[in-house]
PDB file of N, CA and C in Angstrom:
ATOM      1  N   UNK A   1      34.617 154.761  34.671  1.00  0.00           N
ATOM      2  CA  UNK A   1      34.582 153.604  35.561  1.00  0.00           C
ATOM      3  C   UNK A   1      35.943 153.453  36.236  1.00  0.00           C
ATOM      4  N   UNK A   2      35.920 153.433  37.556  1.00  0.00           N
ATOM      5  CA  UNK A   2      37.157 153.308  38.321  1.00  0.00           C
ATOM      6  C   UNK A   2      37.675 151.871  38.235  1.00  0.00           C
ATOM      7  N   UNK A   3      38.955 151.748  37.949  1.00  0.00           N
ATOM      8  CA  UNK A   3      39.588 150.428  37.921  1.00  0.00           C
ATOM      9  C   UNK A   3      40.987 150.500  38.490  1.00  0.00           C
ATOM     10  N   UNK A   4      41.330 149.509  39.281  1.00  0.00           N
ATOM     11  CA  UNK A   4      42.692 149.282  39.746  1.00  0.00           C
ATOM     12  C   UNK A   4      43.031 147.847  39.384  1.00  0.00           C
ATOM     13  N   UNK A   5      44.079 147.670  38.605  1.00  0.00           N
ATOM     14  CA  UNK A   5      44.442 146.333  38.143  1.00  0.00           C
ATOM     15  C   UNK A   5      45.854 146.012  38.604  1.00  0.00           C
ATOM     16  N   UNK A   6      45.947 145.022  39.491  1.00  0.00           N
ATOM     17  CA  UNK A   6      47.245 144.577  39.985  1.00  0.00           C
ATOM     18  C   UNK A   6      47.817 143.502  39.084  1.00  0.00           C
ATOM     19  N   UNK A   7      49.129 143.434  39.029  1.00  0.00           N
ATOM     20  CA  UNK A   7      49.820 142.393  38.287  1.00  0.00           C
ATOM     21  C   UNK A   7      51.193 142.175  38.899  1.00  0.00           C
ATOM     22  N   UNK A   8      51.841 141.082  38.482  1.00  0.00           N
ATOM     23  CA  UNK A   8      53.197 140.823  38.928  1.00  0.00           C
ATOM     24  C   UNK A   8      53.334 139.766  40.008  1.00  0.00           C
ATOM     25  N   UNK A   9      52.229 139.266  40.508  1.00  0.00           N
ATOM     26  CA  UNK A   9      52.300 138.226  41.520  1.00  0.00           C
ATOM     27  C   UNK A   9      52.752 136.904  40.931  1.00  0.00           C
ATOM     28  N   UNK A  10      52.995 135.939  41.817  1.00  0.00           N
ATOM     29  CA  UNK A  10      53.404 134.623  41.356  1.00  0.00           C
ATOM     30  C   UNK A  10      54.049 133.828  42.458  1.00  0.00           C
ATOM     31  N   UNK A  11      54.709 132.755  42.048  1.00  0.00           N
ATOM     32  CA  UNK A  11      55.407 131.866  42.967  1.00  0.00           C
ATOM     33  C   UNK A  11      56.896 132.193  42.925  1.00  0.00           C
ATOM     34  N   UNK A  12      57.481 132.379  44.097  1.00  0.00           N
ATOM     35  CA  UNK A  12      58.900 132.709  44.180  1.00  0.00           C
ATOM     36  C   UNK A  12      59.508 131.973  45.364  1.00  0.00           C
ATOM     37  N   UNK A  13      60.772 131.640  45.260  1.00  0.00           N
ATOM     38  CA  UNK A  13      61.460 130.965  46.354  1.00  0.00           C
ATOM     39  C   UNK A  13      61.830 131.955  47.452  1.00  0.00           C
ATOM     40  N   UNK A  14      61.978 131.476  48.670  1.00  0.00           N
ATOM     41  CA  UNK A  14      62.438 132.351  49.749  1.00  0.00           C
ATOM     42  C   UNK A  14      63.748 133.031  49.365  1.00  0.00           C
ATOM     43  N   UNK A  15      63.839 134.309  49.681  1.00  0.00           N
ATOM     44  CA  UNK A  15      65.002 135.096  49.309  1.00  0.00           C
ATOM     45  C   UNK A  15      64.886 135.761  47.954  1.00  0.00           C
ATOM     46  N   UNK A  16      63.867 135.397  47.194  1.00  0.00           N
ATOM     47  CA  UNK A  16      63.674 135.959  45.867  1.00  0.00           C
ATOM     48  C   UNK A  16      62.998 137.312  45.876  1.00  0.00           C
ATOM     49  N   UNK A  17      62.737 137.819  44.677  1.00  0.00           N
ATOM     50  CA  UNK A  17      62.143 139.149  44.513  1.00  0.00           C
ATOM     51  C   UNK A  17      60.974 139.105  43.536  1.00  0.00           C
ATOM     52  N   UNK A  18      60.058 140.029  43.735  1.00  0.00           N
ATOM     53  CA  UNK A  18      58.958 140.264  42.806  1.00  0.00           C
ATOM     54  C   UNK A  18      58.677 141.751  42.786  1.00  0.00           C
ATOM     55  N   UNK A  19      58.148 142.235  41.666  1.00  0.00           N
ATOM     56  CA  UNK A  19      57.666 143.603  41.605  1.00  0.00           C
ATOM     57  C   UNK A  19      56.204 143.593  41.194  1.00  0.00           C
ATOM     58  N   UNK A  20      55.384 144.102  42.080  1.00  0.00           N
ATOM     59  CA  UNK A  20      53.962 144.233  41.796  1.00  0.00           C
ATOM     60  C   UNK A  20      53.682 145.600  41.172  1.00  0.00           C
ATOM     61  N   UNK A  21      52.702 145.609  40.287  1.00  0.00           N
ATOM     62  CA  UNK A  21      52.242 146.855  39.677  1.00  0.00           C
ATOM     63  C   UNK A  21      50.737 146.985  39.870  1.00  0.00           C
ATOM     64  N   UNK A  22      50.289 148.205  39.982  1.00  0.00           N
ATOM     65  CA  UNK A  22      48.849 148.486  40.068  1.00  0.00           C
ATOM     66  C   UNK A  22      48.588 149.677  39.160  1.00  0.00           C
ATOM     67  N   UNK A  23      47.845 149.442  38.103  1.00  0.00           N
ATOM     68  CA  UNK A  23      47.551 150.503  37.137  1.00  0.00           C
ATOM     69  C   UNK A  23      46.111 150.964  37.302  1.00  0.00           C
ATOM     70  N   UNK A  24      45.955 152.275  37.384  1.00  0.00           N
ATOM     71  CA  UNK A  24      44.658 152.871  37.679  1.00  0.00           C
ATOM     72  C   UNK A  24      44.042 153.522  36.450  1.00  0.00           C
ATOM     73  N   UNK A  25      42.727 153.569  36.430  1.00  0.00           N
ATOM     74  CA  UNK A  25      42.003 154.291  35.396  1.00  0.00           C
ATOM     75  C   UNK A  25      40.663 154.736  35.952  1.00  0.00           C
ATOM     76  N   UNK A  26      40.086 155.763  35.328  1.00  0.00           N
ATOM     77  CA  UNK A  26      38.760 156.209  35.731  1.00  0.00           C
ATOM     78  C   UNK A  26      38.743 157.269  36.811  1.00  0.00           C
ATOM     79  N   UNK A  27      39.902 157.708  37.264  1.00  0.00           N
ATOM     80  CA  UNK A  27      39.970 158.790  38.242  1.00  0.00           C
ATOM     81  C   UNK A  27      41.324 159.482  38.111  1.00  0.00           C
ATOM     82  N   UNK A  28      41.468 160.624  38.771  1.00  0.00           N
ATOM     83  CA  UNK A  28      42.698 161.409  38.672  1.00  0.00           C
ATOM     84  C   UNK A  28      43.734 160.825  39.618  1.00  0.00           C
ATOM     85  N   UNK A  29      44.540 159.938  39.103  1.00  0.00           N
ATOM     86  CA  UNK A  29      45.478 159.152  39.903  1.00  0.00           C
ATOM     87  C   UNK A  29      46.378 160.040  40.757  1.00  0.00           C
ATOM     88  N   UNK A  30      46.836 161.148  40.216  1.00  0.00           N
ATOM     89  CA  UNK A  30      47.840 161.971  40.904  1.00  0.00           C
ATOM     90  C   UNK A  30      47.313 162.646  42.170  1.00  0.00           C
ATOM     91  N   UNK A  31      46.013 162.645  42.375  1.00  0.00           N
ATOM     92  CA  UNK A  31      45.459 163.265  43.581  1.00  0.00           C
ATOM     93  C   UNK A  31      45.127 162.252  44.664  1.00  0.00           C
ATOM     94  N   UNK A  32      45.439 161.001  44.413  1.00  0.00           N
ATOM     95  CA  UNK A  32      45.110 159.929  45.352  1.00  0.00           C
ATOM     96  C   UNK A  32      46.369 159.372  46.017  1.00  0.00           C
ATOM     97  N   UNK A  33      46.329 159.255  47.342  1.00  0.00           N
ATOM     98  CA  UNK A  33      47.334 158.478  48.039  1.00  0.00           C
ATOM     99  C   UNK A  33      47.113 157.010  47.692  1.00  0.00           C
ATOM    100  N   UNK A  34      48.199 156.285  47.564  1.00  0.00           N
ATOM    101  CA  UNK A  34      48.113 154.873  47.184  1.00  0.00           C
ATOM    102  C   UNK A  34      48.735 154.001  48.257  1.00  0.00           C
ATOM    103  N   UNK A  35      48.184 152.824  48.397  1.00  0.00           N
ATOM    104  CA  UNK A  35      48.685 151.891  49.403  1.00  0.00           C
ATOM    105  C   UNK A  35      48.649 150.476  48.859  1.00  0.00           C
ATOM    106  N   UNK A  36      49.487 149.653  49.444  1.00  0.00           N
ATOM    107  CA  UNK A  36      49.422 148.204  49.215  1.00  0.00           C
ATOM    108  C   UNK A  36      49.024 147.542  50.531  1.00  0.00           C
ATOM    109  N   UNK A  37      48.091 146.622  50.434  1.00  0.00           N
ATOM    110  CA  UNK A  37      47.662 145.804  51.558  1.00  0.00           C
ATOM    111  C   UNK A  37      47.864 144.344  51.169  1.00  0.00           C
ATOM    112  N   UNK A  38      47.821 143.486  52.161  1.00  0.00           N
ATOM    113  CA  UNK A  38      47.860 142.053  51.885  1.00  0.00           C
ATOM    114  C   UNK A  38      46.959 141.312  52.873  1.00  0.00           C
ATOM    115  N   UNK A  39      46.510 140.156  52.403  1.00  0.00           N
ATOM    116  CA  UNK A  39      45.669 139.319  53.243  1.00  0.00           C
ATOM    117  C   UNK A  39      46.070 137.866  53.062  1.00  0.00           C
ATOM    118  N   UNK A  40      46.528 137.274  54.143  1.00  0.00           N
ATOM    119  CA  UNK A  40      46.886 135.859  54.139  1.00  0.00           C
ATOM    120  C   UNK A  40      45.670 135.040  54.558  1.00  0.00           C
ATOM    121  N   UNK A  41      45.632 133.769  54.204  1.00  0.00           N
ATOM    122  CA  UNK A  41      44.486 132.924  54.570  1.00  0.00           C
ATOM    123  C   UNK A  41      44.253 132.929  56.080  1.00  0.00           C
ATOM    124  N   UNK A  42      43.017 133.178  56.467  1.00  0.00           N
ATOM    125  CA  UNK A  42      42.656 133.166  57.875  1.00  0.00           C
ATOM    126  C   UNK A  42      43.076 134.389  58.658  1.00  0.00           C
ATOM    127  N   UNK A  43      43.619 135.379  57.973  1.00  0.00           N
ATOM    128  CA  UNK A  43      44.082 136.587  58.657  1.00  0.00           C
ATOM    129  C   UNK A  43      43.364 137.810  58.104  1.00  0.00           C
ATOM    130  N   UNK A  44      43.411 138.891  58.882  1.00  0.00           N
ATOM    131  CA  UNK A  44      42.817 140.139  58.435  1.00  0.00           C
ATOM    132  C   UNK A  44      43.729 140.829  57.416  1.00  0.00           C
ATOM    133  N   UNK A  45      43.119 141.658  56.586  1.00  0.00           N
ATOM    134  CA  UNK A  45      43.889 142.442  55.633  1.00  0.00           C
ATOM    135  C   UNK A  45      44.737 143.449  56.411  1.00  0.00           C
ATOM    136  N   UNK A  46      46.003 143.590  56.010  1.00  0.00           N
ATOM    137  CA  UNK A  46      46.907 144.491  56.716  1.00  0.00           C
ATOM    138  C   UNK A  46      47.625 145.412  55.747  1.00  0.00           C
ATOM    139  N   UNK A  47      47.935 146.616  56.241  1.00  0.00           N
ATOM    140  CA  UNK A  47      48.677 147.584  55.453  1.00  0.00           C
ATOM    141  C   UNK A  47      50.123 147.133  55.312  1.00  0.00           C
ATOM    142  N   UNK A  48      50.616 147.178  54.091  1.00  0.00           N
ATOM    143  CA  UNK A  48      52.012 146.844  53.808  1.00  0.00           C
ATOM    144  C   UNK A  48      52.837 148.115  53.618  1.00  0.00           C
ATOM    145  N   UNK A  49      52.349 149.012  52.761  1.00  0.00           N
ATOM    146  CA  UNK A  49      53.097 150.232  52.453  1.00  0.00           C
ATOM    147  C   UNK A  49      52.150 151.270  51.879  1.00  0.00           C
ATOM    148  N   UNK A  50      52.490 152.542  52.086  1.00  0.00           N
ATOM    149  CA  UNK A  50      51.700 153.630  51.540  1.00  0.00           C
ATOM    150  C   UNK A  50      52.599 154.700  50.963  1.00  0.00           C
ATOM    151  N   UNK A  51      52.032 155.497  50.045  1.00  0.00           N
ATOM    152  CA  UNK A  51      52.800 156.564  49.413  1.00  0.00           C
ATOM    153  C   UNK A  51      51.872 157.741  49.159  1.00  0.00           C
ATOM    154  N   UNK A  52      52.391 158.949  49.369  1.00  0.00           N
ATOM    155  CA  UNK A  52      51.588 160.146  49.169  1.00  0.00           C
ATOM    156  C   UNK A  52      51.425 160.459  47.684  1.00  0.00           C
ATOM    157  N   UNK A  53      50.636 161.477  47.386  1.00  0.00           N
ATOM    158  CA  UNK A  53      50.282 161.771  45.999  1.00  0.00           C
ATOM    159  C   UNK A  53      51.499 162.048  45.116  1.00  0.00           C
ATOM    160  N   UNK A  54      52.477 162.752  45.663  1.00  0.00           N
ATOM    161  CA  UNK A  54      53.663 163.083  44.873  1.00  0.00           C
ATOM    162  C   UNK A  54      54.783 162.071  45.028  1.00  0.00           C
ATOM    163  N   UNK A  55      54.604 161.132  45.930  1.00  0.00           N
ATOM    164  CA  UNK A  55      55.668 160.172  46.205  1.00  0.00           C
ATOM    165  C   UNK A  55      56.687 160.676  47.198  1.00  0.00           C
ATOM    166  N   UNK A  56      56.431 161.837  47.790  1.00  0.00           N
ATOM    167  CA  UNK A  56      57.406 162.426  48.684  1.00  0.00           C
ATOM    168  C   UNK A  56      57.525 161.746  50.033  1.00  0.00           C
ATOM    169  N   UNK A  57      56.482 161.060  50.424  1.00  0.00           N
ATOM    170  CA  UNK A  57      56.519 160.344  51.702  1.00  0.00           C
ATOM    171  C   UNK A  57      55.998 158.938  51.525  1.00  0.00           C
ATOM    172  N   UNK A  58      56.637 158.024  52.233  1.00  0.00           N
ATOM    173  CA  UNK A  58      56.215 156.629  52.221  1.00  0.00           C
ATOM    174  C   UNK A  58      56.182 156.100  53.653  1.00  0.00           C
ATOM    175  N   UNK A  59      55.435 155.048  53.849  1.00  0.00           N
ATOM    176  CA  UNK A  59      55.435 154.379  55.148  1.00  0.00           C
ATOM    177  C   UNK A  59      55.304 152.887  54.916  1.00  0.00           C
ATOM    178  N   UNK A  60      55.809 152.117  55.880  1.00  0.00           N
ATOM    179  CA  UNK A  60      55.872 150.674  55.734  1.00  0.00           C
ATOM    180  C   UNK A  60      55.484 149.973  57.035  1.00  0.00           C
ATOM    181  N   UNK A  61      54.925 148.800  56.890  1.00  0.00           N
ATOM    182  CA  UNK A  61      54.746 147.936  58.049  1.00  0.00           C
ATOM    183  C   UNK A  61      56.122 147.503  58.540  1.00  0.00           C
ATOM    184  N   UNK A  62      56.249 147.335  59.842  1.00  0.00           N
ATOM    185  CA  UNK A  62      57.544 146.943  60.399  1.00  0.00           C
ATOM    186  C   UNK A  62      58.052 145.640  59.785  1.00  0.00           C
ATOM    187  N   UNK A  63      57.141 144.759  59.454  1.00  0.00           N
ATOM    188  CA  UNK A  63      57.528 143.442  58.955  1.00  0.00           C
ATOM    189  C   UNK A  63      58.181 143.478  57.570  1.00  0.00           C
ATOM    190  N   UNK A  64      58.025 144.596  56.846  1.00  0.00           N
ATOM    191  CA  UNK A  64      58.588 144.664  55.492  1.00  0.00           C
ATOM    192  C   UNK A  64      59.632 145.763  55.337  1.00  0.00           C
ATOM    193  N   UNK A  65      59.853 146.553  56.378  1.00  0.00           N
ATOM    194  CA  UNK A  65      60.835 147.639  56.281  1.00  0.00           C
ATOM    195  C   UNK A  65      62.207 147.100  55.913  1.00  0.00           C
ATOM    196  N   UNK A  66      62.843 147.783  54.965  1.00  0.00           N
ATOM    197  CA  UNK A  66      64.163 147.362  54.510  1.00  0.00           C
ATOM    198  C   UNK A  66      64.134 146.300  53.425  1.00  0.00           C
ATOM    199  N   UNK A  67      62.961 145.725  53.168  1.00  0.00           N
ATOM    200  CA  UNK A  67      62.847 144.690  52.136  1.00  0.00           C
ATOM    201  C   UNK A  67      61.936 145.130  50.989  1.00  0.00           C
ATOM    202  N   UNK A  68      60.892 145.884  51.302  1.00  0.00           N
ATOM    203  CA  UNK A  68      59.929 146.325  50.279  1.00  0.00           C
ATOM    204  C   UNK A  68      60.089 147.816  50.022  1.00  0.00           C
ATOM    205  N   UNK A  69      59.822 148.212  48.784  1.00  0.00           N
ATOM    206  CA  UNK A  69      59.846 149.623  48.420  1.00  0.00           C
ATOM    207  C   UNK A  69      58.623 149.948  47.574  1.00  0.00           C
ATOM    208  N   UNK A  70      57.878 150.952  48.012  1.00  0.00           N
ATOM    209  CA  UNK A  70      56.731 151.424  47.244  1.00  0.00           C
ATOM    210  C   UNK A  70      57.157 152.649  46.448  1.00  0.00           C
ATOM    211  N   UNK A  71      56.647 152.753  45.225  1.00  0.00           N
ATOM    212  CA  UNK A  71      56.933 153.910  44.386  1.00  0.00           C
ATOM    213  C   UNK A  71      55.745 154.119  43.450  1.00  0.00           C
ATOM    214  N   UNK A  72      55.725 155.267  42.794  1.00  0.00           N
ATOM    215  CA  UNK A  72      54.632 155.547  41.868  1.00  0.00           C
ATOM    216  C   UNK A  72      55.141 156.355  40.691  1.00  0.00           C
ATOM    217  N   UNK A  73      54.433 156.210  39.572  1.00  0.00           N
ATOM    218  CA  UNK A  73      54.701 156.985  38.372  1.00  0.00           C
ATOM    219  C   UNK A  73      53.376 157.608  37.961  1.00  0.00           C
ATOM    220  N   UNK A  74      53.183 158.873  38.284  1.00  0.00           N
ATOM    221  CA  UNK A  74      51.907 159.521  37.997  1.00  0.00           C
ATOM    222  C   UNK A  74      51.649 159.665  36.499  1.00  0.00           C
ATOM    223  N   UNK A  75      52.704 159.708  35.701  1.00  0.00           N
ATOM    224  CA  UNK A  75      52.528 159.796  34.249  1.00  0.00           C
ATOM    225  C   UNK A  75      51.958 158.493  33.685  1.00  0.00           C
ATOM    226  N   UNK A  76      52.199 157.393  34.392  1.00  0.00           N
ATOM    227  CA  UNK A  76      51.708 156.086  33.938  1.00  0.00           C
ATOM    228  C   UNK A  76      50.527 155.589  34.768  1.00  0.00           C
ATOM    229  N   UNK A  77      50.072 156.415  35.707  1.00  0.00           N
ATOM    230  CA  UNK A  77      48.954 156.012  36.577  1.00  0.00           C
ATOM    231  C   UNK A  77      49.217 154.671  37.255  1.00  0.00           C
ATOM    232  N   UNK A  78      50.419 154.479  37.718  1.00  0.00           N
ATOM    233  CA  UNK A  78      50.817 153.179  38.250  1.00  0.00           C
ATOM    234  C   UNK A  78      51.576 153.334  39.563  1.00  0.00           C
ATOM    235  N   UNK A  79      51.276 152.437  40.477  1.00  0.00           N
ATOM    236  CA  UNK A  79      52.023 152.332  41.721  1.00  0.00           C
ATOM    237  C   UNK A  79      52.674 150.955  41.747  1.00  0.00           C
ATOM    238  N   UNK A  80      53.874 150.898  42.310  1.00  0.00           N
ATOM    239  CA  UNK A  80      54.658 149.673  42.317  1.00  0.00           C
ATOM    240  C   UNK A  80      54.977 149.246  43.753  1.00  0.00           C
ATOM    241  N   UNK A  81      55.245 147.960  43.902  1.00  0.00           N
ATOM    242  CA  UNK A  81      55.766 147.448  45.157  1.00  0.00           C
ATOM    243  C   UNK A  81      56.898 146.486  44.814  1.00  0.00           C
ATOM    244  N   UNK A  82      58.123 146.945  45.062  1.00  0.00           N
ATOM    245  CA  UNK A  82      59.288 146.092  44.859  1.00  0.00           C
ATOM    246  C   UNK A  82      59.496 145.295  46.139  1.00  0.00           C
ATOM    247  N   UNK A  83      59.487 143.977  46.015  1.00  0.00           N
ATOM    248  CA  UNK A  83      59.605 143.103  47.174  1.00  0.00           C
ATOM    249  C   UNK A  83      60.871 142.267  47.036  1.00  0.00           C
ATOM    250  N   UNK A  84      61.786 142.459  47.949  1.00  0.00           N
ATOM    251  CA  UNK A  84      63.046 141.721  47.962  1.00  0.00           C
ATOM    252  C   UNK A  84      63.141 140.861  49.215  1.00  0.00           C
ATOM    253  N   UNK A  85      64.057 139.919  49.200  1.00  0.00           N
ATOM    254  CA  UNK A  85      64.296 139.040  50.356  1.00  0.00           C
ATOM    255  C   UNK A  85      62.980 138.460  50.877  1.00  0.00           C
ATOM    256  N   UNK A  86      62.206 137.938  49.974  1.00  0.00           N
ATOM    257  CA  UNK A  86      60.875 137.440  50.339  1.00  0.00           C
ATOM    258  C   UNK A  86      60.954 136.248  51.271  1.00  0.00           C
ATOM    259  N   UNK A  87      59.978 136.192  52.162  1.00  0.00           N
ATOM    260  CA  UNK A  87      59.890 135.137  53.165  1.00  0.00           C
ATOM    261  C   UNK A  87      58.562 134.386  53.001  1.00  0.00           C
ATOM    262  N   UNK A  88      58.496 133.154  53.465  1.00  0.00           N
ATOM    263  CA  UNK A  88      57.213 132.433  53.375  1.00  0.00           C
ATOM    264  C   UNK A  88      56.055 133.193  54.022  1.00  0.00           C
ATOM    265  N   UNK A  89      56.336 133.939  55.065  1.00  0.00           N
ATOM    266  CA  UNK A  89      55.266 134.693  55.731  1.00  0.00           C
ATOM    267  C   UNK A  89      54.778 135.887  54.920  1.00  0.00           C
ATOM    268  N   UNK A  90      55.424 136.180  53.809  1.00  0.00           N
ATOM    269  CA  UNK A  90      54.927 137.223  52.900  1.00  0.00           C
ATOM    270  C   UNK A  90      53.840 136.679  51.960  1.00  0.00           C
ATOM    271  N   UNK A  91      53.609 135.393  52.005  1.00  0.00           N
ATOM    272  CA  UNK A  91      52.583 134.788  51.158  1.00  0.00           C
ATOM    273  C   UNK A  91      51.209 135.355  51.495  1.00  0.00           C
ATOM    274  N   UNK A  92      50.538 135.883  50.481  1.00  0.00           N
ATOM    275  CA  UNK A  92      49.238 136.527  50.676  1.00  0.00           C
ATOM    276  C   UNK A  92      48.711 136.990  49.329  1.00  0.00           C
ATOM    277  N   UNK A  93      47.467 137.429  49.332  1.00  0.00           N
ATOM    278  CA  UNK A  93      46.941 138.182  48.202  1.00  0.00           C
ATOM    279  C   UNK A  93      47.231 139.655  48.473  1.00  0.00           C
ATOM    280  N   UNK A  94      47.825 140.308  47.502  1.00  0.00           N
ATOM    281  CA  UNK A  94      48.213 141.700  47.636  1.00  0.00           C
ATOM    282  C   UNK A  94      47.236 142.583  46.860  1.00  0.00           C
ATOM    283  N   UNK A  95      46.770 143.626  47.537  1.00  0.00           N
ATOM    284  CA  UNK A  95      45.787 144.546  46.963  1.00  0.00           C
ATOM    285  C   UNK A  95      46.327 145.965  46.960  1.00  0.00           C
ATOM    286  N   UNK A  96      45.995 146.724  45.945  1.00  0.00           N
ATOM    287  CA  UNK A  96      46.294 148.152  46.001  1.00  0.00           C
ATOM    288  C   UNK A  96      45.011 148.921  46.332  1.00  0.00           C
ATOM    289  N   UNK A  97      45.202 150.053  46.962  1.00  0.00           N
ATOM    290  CA  UNK A  97      44.096 150.893  47.400  1.00  0.00           C
ATOM    291  C   UNK A  97      44.390 152.330  47.048  1.00  0.00           C
ATOM    292  N   UNK A  98      43.355 153.040  46.619  1.00  0.00           N
ATOM    293  CA  UNK A  98      43.472 154.460  46.314  1.00  0.00           C
ATOM    294  C   UNK A  98      42.507 155.244  47.183  1.00  0.00           C
ATOM    295  N   UNK A  99      42.970 156.371  47.720  1.00  0.00           N
ATOM    296  CA  UNK A  99      42.097 157.215  48.537  1.00  0.00           C
ATOM    297  C   UNK A  99      42.506 158.670  48.375  1.00  0.00           C
ATOM    298  N   UNK A 100      41.521 159.518  48.144  1.00  0.00           N
ATOM    299  CA  UNK A 100      41.757 160.961  48.023  1.00  0.00           C
ATOM    300  C   UNK A 100      41.449 161.594  49.382  1.00  0.00           C
ATOM    301  N   UNK A 101      42.495 161.887  50.148  1.00  0.00           N
ATOM    302  CA  UNK A 101      42.297 162.442  51.487  1.00  0.00           C
ATOM    303  C   UNK A 101      41.798 163.880  51.437  1.00  0.00           C
ATOM    304  N   UNK A 102      42.092 164.576  50.338  1.00  0.00           N
ATOM    305  CA  UNK A 102      41.638 165.958  50.245  1.00  0.00           C
ATOM    306  C   UNK A 102      40.140 166.066  50.055  1.00  0.00           C
ATOM    307  N   UNK A 103      39.590 165.267  49.156  1.00  0.00           N
ATOM    308  CA  UNK A 103      38.163 165.297  48.870  1.00  0.00           C
ATOM    309  C   UNK A 103      37.400 164.184  49.587  1.00  0.00           C
ATOM    310  N   UNK A 104      38.117 163.326  50.307  1.00  0.00           N
ATOM    311  CA  UNK A 104      37.508 162.203  51.021  1.00  0.00           C
ATOM    312  C   UNK A 104      36.733 161.319  50.045  1.00  0.00           C
ATOM    313  N   UNK A 105      37.376 160.966  48.965  1.00  0.00           N
ATOM    314  CA  UNK A 105      36.764 160.087  47.961  1.00  0.00           C
ATOM    315  C   UNK A 105      37.491 158.744  47.969  1.00  0.00           C
ATOM    316  N   UNK A 106      36.707 157.674  47.964  1.00  0.00           N
ATOM    317  CA  UNK A 106      37.275 156.328  47.998  1.00  0.00           C
ATOM    318  C   UNK A 106      37.001 155.685  49.345  1.00  0.00           C
ATOM    319  N   UNK A 107      37.643 154.593  49.660  1.00  0.00           N
ATOM    320  CA  UNK A 107      38.741 154.002  48.902  1.00  0.00           C
ATOM    321  C   UNK A 107      38.273 153.130  47.736  1.00  0.00           C
ATOM    322  N   UNK A 108      39.152 153.051  46.773  1.00  0.00           N
ATOM    323  CA  UNK A 108      38.990 152.118  45.670  1.00  0.00           C
ATOM    324  C   UNK A 108      40.003 150.989  45.850  1.00  0.00           C
ATOM    325  N   UNK A 109      39.573 149.778  45.536  1.00  0.00           N
ATOM    326  CA  UNK A 109      40.429 148.600  45.699  1.00  0.00           C
ATOM    327  C   UNK A 109      40.579 147.871  44.375  1.00  0.00           C
ATOM    328  N   UNK A 110      41.734 147.265  44.198  1.00  0.00           N
ATOM    329  CA  UNK A 110      41.934 146.352  43.092  1.00  0.00           C
ATOM    330  C   UNK A 110      41.428 144.968  43.447  1.00  0.00           C
ATOM    331  N   UNK A 111      41.561 144.054  42.505  1.00  0.00           N
ATOM    332  CA  UNK A 111      41.038 142.703  42.697  1.00  0.00           C
ATOM    333  C   UNK A 111      42.040 141.787  43.391  1.00  0.00           C
ATOM    334  N   UNK A 112      43.291 142.228  43.485  1.00  0.00           N
ATOM    335  CA  UNK A 112      44.308 141.461  44.176  1.00  0.00           C
ATOM    336  C   UNK A 112      45.147 140.593  43.260  1.00  0.00           C
ATOM    337  N   UNK A 113      46.367 140.333  43.712  1.00  0.00           N
ATOM    338  CA  UNK A 113      47.266 139.429  42.996  1.00  0.00           C
ATOM    339  C   UNK A 113      47.946 138.520  44.027  1.00  0.00           C
ATOM    340  N   UNK A 114      48.011 137.245  43.710  1.00  0.00           N
ATOM    341  CA  UNK A 114      48.529 136.268  44.655  1.00  0.00           C
ATOM    342  C   UNK A 114      50.055 136.254  44.629  1.00  0.00           C
ATOM    343  N   UNK A 115      50.649 136.299  45.807  1.00  0.00           N
ATOM    344  CA  UNK A 115      52.095 136.126  45.971  1.00  0.00           C
ATOM    345  C   UNK A 115      52.302 134.916  46.870  1.00  0.00           C
ATOM    346  N   UNK A 116      53.050 133.951  46.372  1.00  0.00           N
ATOM    347  CA  UNK A 116      53.348 132.744  47.138  1.00  0.00           C
ATOM    348  C   UNK A 116      54.852 132.581  47.232  1.00  0.00           C
ATOM    349  N   UNK A 117      55.341 132.507  48.460  1.00  0.00           N
ATOM    350  CA  UNK A 117      56.779 132.349  48.697  1.00  0.00           C
ATOM    351  C   UNK A 117      56.989 130.953  49.277  1.00  0.00           C
ATOM    352  N   UNK A 118      57.597 130.097  48.480  1.00  0.00           N
ATOM    353  CA  UNK A 118      57.752 128.704  48.890  1.00  0.00           C
ATOM    354  C   UNK A 118      58.877 128.052  48.108  1.00  0.00           C
ATOM    355  N   UNK A 119      59.530 127.115  48.768  1.00  0.00           N
ATOM    356  CA  UNK A 119      60.576 126.357  48.091  1.00  0.00           C
ATOM    357  C   UNK A 119      60.000 125.063  47.518  1.00  0.00           C
TER     358      UNK A 119
END
């Protein structure tokens, strides 16, 4: 059974930091590209950051470049999103996504974790 479980969300003040984790099970994690998306109330889900299977390449939305860092640990079946210098506009539910571009399998989504940036 495929599962993606996000954790690490919460309430943080502007300028603060959080680290999100997404732990996978039920599939071969190391063959899947991983991404973080977010969805704010009343808005469409948007890509935040992505990382290739080996972690050799990453990409970021312009709005988070220089503040967020995506990384992965294939031995732990986990992808991370380090979020620094958080802003109120970063408030959203954050989701991780897995997709195997080689076999065209997926995407698989997690259930999401809430991040609220407020004073």
